[in-house]
Amino acid sequence: MRNAAIPIAHVIPGNINRPAQLASDLEYLGLDIHDLLHVRSFLDHNRPYMTPANYVRGSREGKSTGAFAYLGEEIPADELEENLVRHLRRWAPYVGRFGLLVLELHTLPPELTAANLDRTPAVAYDGTHGFSDQYLVELPVFLDCAREAGLEADPRYQSKFPPSDLPTVRINFFTAPAVSRPAL
């Protein structure tokens, strides 16, 4: 790599649910997690599910129309959304000065999918992801959860695919201006 003038690269294992551990591992390498652009491609819906501690089911209004399960047990939409908020909230303090770029897969409301079966792959996505414990939520639900977690989507850097009223993929650039850095 040195002959090609490529800087030193490090590959470290990580768990998307544990940004504090990633920050610590990077610090050990002399890197500050806040000085990085964080880029994720289809990871947030594929996170390992963690039951939200001390969450009382029904204490928030679930907005997603998706059906969710973990190891064969149903997860109500309100609980899944609480899980997503907490997941994103764990990341908010580490987003740093360069932000978080998220390419994410989303579902569509069932009635919209049913009316457009020839125009969307949502049925296939919902089936494959639902049977493998992955958690697709609608784009507005994802953005609401991100906002609640302290992440702000920058409208200048957003794009959806397809560019229609049936988007299942979206790229968003988030910042976390109101979040303070945790001590490492």
Protein backbone atom coordinates (compact mmCIF):
# COMPACT_ATOMS: atom_id res chain seq x y z
CA MET A 1 0.00 0.00 0.00
CA ARG A 2 2.85 2.39 0.68
CA ASN A 3 4.13 2.14 -2.91
CA ALA A 4 0.69 3.17 -4.13
CA ALA A 5 0.58 6.13 -1.70
CA ILE A 6 -2.49 4.69 0.01
CA PRO A 7 -2.68 5.65 3.67
CA ILE A 8 -2.72 3.00 6.37
CA ALA A 9 -6.08 1.25 6.62
CA HIS A 10 -7.52 -0.53 9.62
CA VAL A 11 -10.26 -3.13 9.63
CA ILE A 12 -11.88 -3.63 13.00
CA PRO A 13 -14.90 -5.73 13.93
CA GLY A 14 -17.94 -3.88 15.10
CA ASN A 15 -21.59 -4.09 16.04
CA ILE A 16 -23.88 -1.36 14.72
CA ASN A 17 -25.65 -1.39 18.11
CA ARG A 18 -22.45 -0.46 19.95
CA PRO A 19 -21.05 2.87 18.72
CA ALA A 20 -19.34 3.51 22.07
CA GLN A 21 -17.26 0.36 21.57
CA LEU A 22 -16.39 1.48 18.05
CA ALA A 23 -15.33 4.88 19.43
CA SER A 24 -13.11 3.15 21.97
CA ASP A 25 -11.56 0.85 19.35
CA LEU A 26 -10.85 3.82 17.09
CA GLU A 27 -9.35 5.79 19.97
CA TYR A 28 -6.98 2.87 20.60
CA LEU A 29 -5.81 3.33 16.99
CA GLY A 30 -5.33 7.07 17.57
CA LEU A 31 -8.49 8.05 15.70
CA ASP A 32 -11.38 10.18 16.92
CA ILE A 33 -14.81 8.86 15.87
CA HIS A 34 -16.05 12.47 15.68
CA ASP A 35 -13.56 13.26 12.90
CA LEU A 36 -15.02 10.71 10.49
CA LEU A 37 -17.80 10.69 7.94
CA HIS A 38 -19.99 7.75 8.92
CA VAL A 39 -21.43 5.86 5.96
CA ARG A 40 -23.96 3.06 6.21
CA SER A 41 -25.46 1.01 3.43
CA PHE A 42 -28.57 -0.97 4.36
CA LEU A 43 -27.41 -1.61 7.92
CA ASP A 44 -29.95 0.09 10.14
CA HIS A 45 -32.86 -2.15 9.15
CA ASN A 46 -30.54 -5.16 9.56
CA ARG A 47 -29.41 -4.33 13.10
CA PRO A 48 -29.59 -7.08 15.70
CA TYR A 49 -32.82 -6.51 17.61
CA MET A 50 -32.54 -5.43 21.24
CA THR A 51 -35.71 -5.25 23.32
CA PRO A 52 -35.92 -1.65 24.63
CA ALA A 53 -35.16 -1.80 28.36
CA ASN A 54 -37.94 -0.46 30.60
CA TYR A 55 -40.21 0.20 27.64
CA VAL A 56 -43.91 -0.31 28.28
CA ARG A 57 -45.64 -1.55 25.14
CA GLY A 58 -48.23 0.90 23.92
CA SER A 59 -46.61 3.93 25.56
CA ARG A 60 -45.98 5.45 22.14
CA GLU A 61 -48.16 5.38 19.06
CA GLY A 62 -46.71 3.05 16.45
CA LYS A 63 -47.00 4.58 12.98
CA SER A 64 -45.47 1.85 10.85
CA THR A 65 -47.79 -0.49 8.99
CA GLY A 66 -45.09 -3.17 8.82
CA ALA A 67 -45.19 -6.55 10.51
CA PHE A 68 -42.13 -7.34 12.63
CA ALA A 69 -40.75 -10.34 14.49
CA TYR A 70 -37.62 -11.39 16.30
CA LEU A 71 -36.88 -15.11 16.46
CA GLY A 72 -40.52 -15.86 15.67
CA GLU A 73 -41.98 -13.53 18.30
CA GLU A 74 -44.06 -10.57 17.14
CA ILE A 75 -42.72 -7.08 17.77
CA PRO A 76 -45.47 -4.44 17.87
CA ALA A 77 -44.81 -1.38 15.69
CA ASP A 78 -44.59 0.94 18.71
CA GLU A 79 -41.86 -1.20 20.29
CA LEU A 80 -39.93 -1.47 17.04
CA GLU A 81 -40.03 2.30 16.58
CA GLU A 82 -38.81 2.79 20.16
CA ASN A 83 -35.99 0.36 19.34
CA LEU A 84 -35.10 2.36 16.21
CA VAL A 85 -35.12 5.67 18.11
CA ARG A 86 -32.83 4.23 20.78
CA HIS A 87 -30.55 2.73 18.12
CA LEU A 88 -30.20 6.08 16.34
CA ARG A 89 -29.91 7.95 19.64
CA ARG A 90 -26.89 5.80 20.56
CA TRP A 91 -25.24 7.02 17.34
CA ALA A 92 -26.18 10.70 17.60
CA PRO A 93 -23.31 11.71 19.94
CA TYR A 94 -20.77 10.12 17.60
CA VAL A 95 -21.93 11.59 14.30
CA GLY A 96 -19.39 14.39 14.68
CA ARG A 97 -18.52 17.21 12.34
CA PHE A 98 -18.76 15.26 9.07
CA GLY A 99 -22.16 13.67 9.65
CA LEU A 100 -23.80 10.36 8.88
CA LEU A 101 -24.69 9.22 5.37
CA VAL A 102 -27.37 6.52 5.40
CA LEU A 103 -28.51 4.48 2.41
CA GLU A 104 -31.56 2.61 3.67
CA LEU A 105 -34.29 0.31 2.43
CA HIS A 106 -37.90 1.11 3.35
CA THR A 107 -41.29 -0.48 3.10
CA LEU A 108 -44.51 1.05 1.82
CA PRO A 109 -47.97 0.94 3.38
CA PRO A 110 -49.70 -2.32 2.35
CA GLU A 111 -52.57 -0.58 0.57
CA LEU A 112 -50.14 1.44 -1.53
CA THR A 113 -48.13 -1.68 -2.36
CA ALA A 114 -51.28 -3.65 -3.22
CA ALA A 115 -52.46 -0.93 -5.58
CA ASN A 116 -49.06 -0.84 -7.33
CA LEU A 117 -47.86 -4.43 -7.48
CA ASP A 118 -46.47 -3.91 -10.99
CA ARG A 119 -44.58 -0.73 -9.97
CA THR A 120 -42.80 -1.67 -6.73
CA PRO A 121 -40.61 -4.47 -5.35
CA ALA A 122 -42.00 -3.85 -1.85
CA VAL A 123 -43.70 -7.28 -1.60
CA ALA A 124 -40.40 -9.06 -2.28
CA TYR A 125 -38.48 -6.79 0.11
CA ASP A 126 -41.07 -7.21 2.87
CA GLY A 127 -41.08 -10.98 2.46
CA THR A 128 -37.34 -11.58 2.34
CA HIS A 129 -36.58 -9.09 5.08
CA GLY A 130 -39.50 -10.04 7.29
CA PHE A 131 -38.54 -13.72 7.31
CA SER A 132 -34.94 -12.88 8.20
CA ASP A 133 -35.63 -10.59 11.18
CA GLN A 134 -34.90 -7.32 9.42
CA TYR A 135 -36.94 -4.24 10.15
CA LEU A 136 -38.11 -2.18 7.20
CA VAL A 137 -40.16 0.87 8.15
CA GLU A 138 -41.69 3.49 5.91
CA LEU A 139 -39.49 6.45 5.02
CA PRO A 140 -41.56 8.99 7.03
CA VAL A 141 -41.39 6.70 10.08
CA PHE A 142 -37.61 6.38 9.72
CA LEU A 143 -37.19 10.16 9.42
CA ASP A 144 -39.46 10.77 12.45
CA CYS A 145 -37.43 8.28 14.52
CA ALA A 146 -34.16 9.91 13.41
CA ARG A 147 -35.49 13.36 14.34
CA GLU A 148 -36.62 12.08 17.75
CA ALA A 149 -33.13 10.61 18.25
CA GLY A 150 -31.51 14.02 17.68
CA LEU A 151 -30.47 13.56 14.05
CA GLU A 152 -31.34 16.18 11.46
CA ALA A 153 -31.73 15.23 7.80
CA ASP A 154 -30.13 17.77 5.47
CA PRO A 155 -32.58 18.28 2.57
CA ARG A 156 -29.74 19.23 0.22
CA TYR A 157 -28.37 15.69 0.38
CA GLN A 158 -31.38 13.45 0.03
CA SER A 159 -32.42 11.24 -2.82
CA LYS A 160 -34.99 8.51 -3.20
CA PHE A 161 -35.30 5.56 -5.53
CA PRO A 162 -37.28 5.18 -7.52
CA PRO A 163 -37.82 8.95 -7.81
CA SER A 164 -41.59 8.54 -7.58
CA ASP A 165 -44.38 8.25 -5.04
CA LEU A 166 -43.22 4.65 -4.36
CA PRO A 167 -39.69 5.03 -3.00
CA THR A 168 -38.19 2.00 -1.28
CA VAL A 169 -34.60 3.23 -1.11
CA ARG A 170 -33.48 6.55 0.28
CA ILE A 171 -30.16 8.19 0.93
CA ASN A 172 -30.05 10.77 3.71
CA PHE A 173 -27.30 12.87 5.18
CA PHE A 174 -27.77 13.45 8.90
CA THR A 175 -26.11 15.79 11.35
CA ALA A 176 -26.52 15.94 15.12
CA PRO A 177 -26.02 19.60 16.02
CA ALA A 178 -27.82 19.49 19.37
CA VAL A 179 -25.96 16.47 20.69
CA SER A 180 -22.95 16.81 22.95
CA ARG A 181 -19.97 14.48 22.68
CA PRO A 182 -19.66 11.75 25.28
CA ALA A 183 -16.42 11.44 27.21
CA LEU A 184 -14.27 8.59 25.94
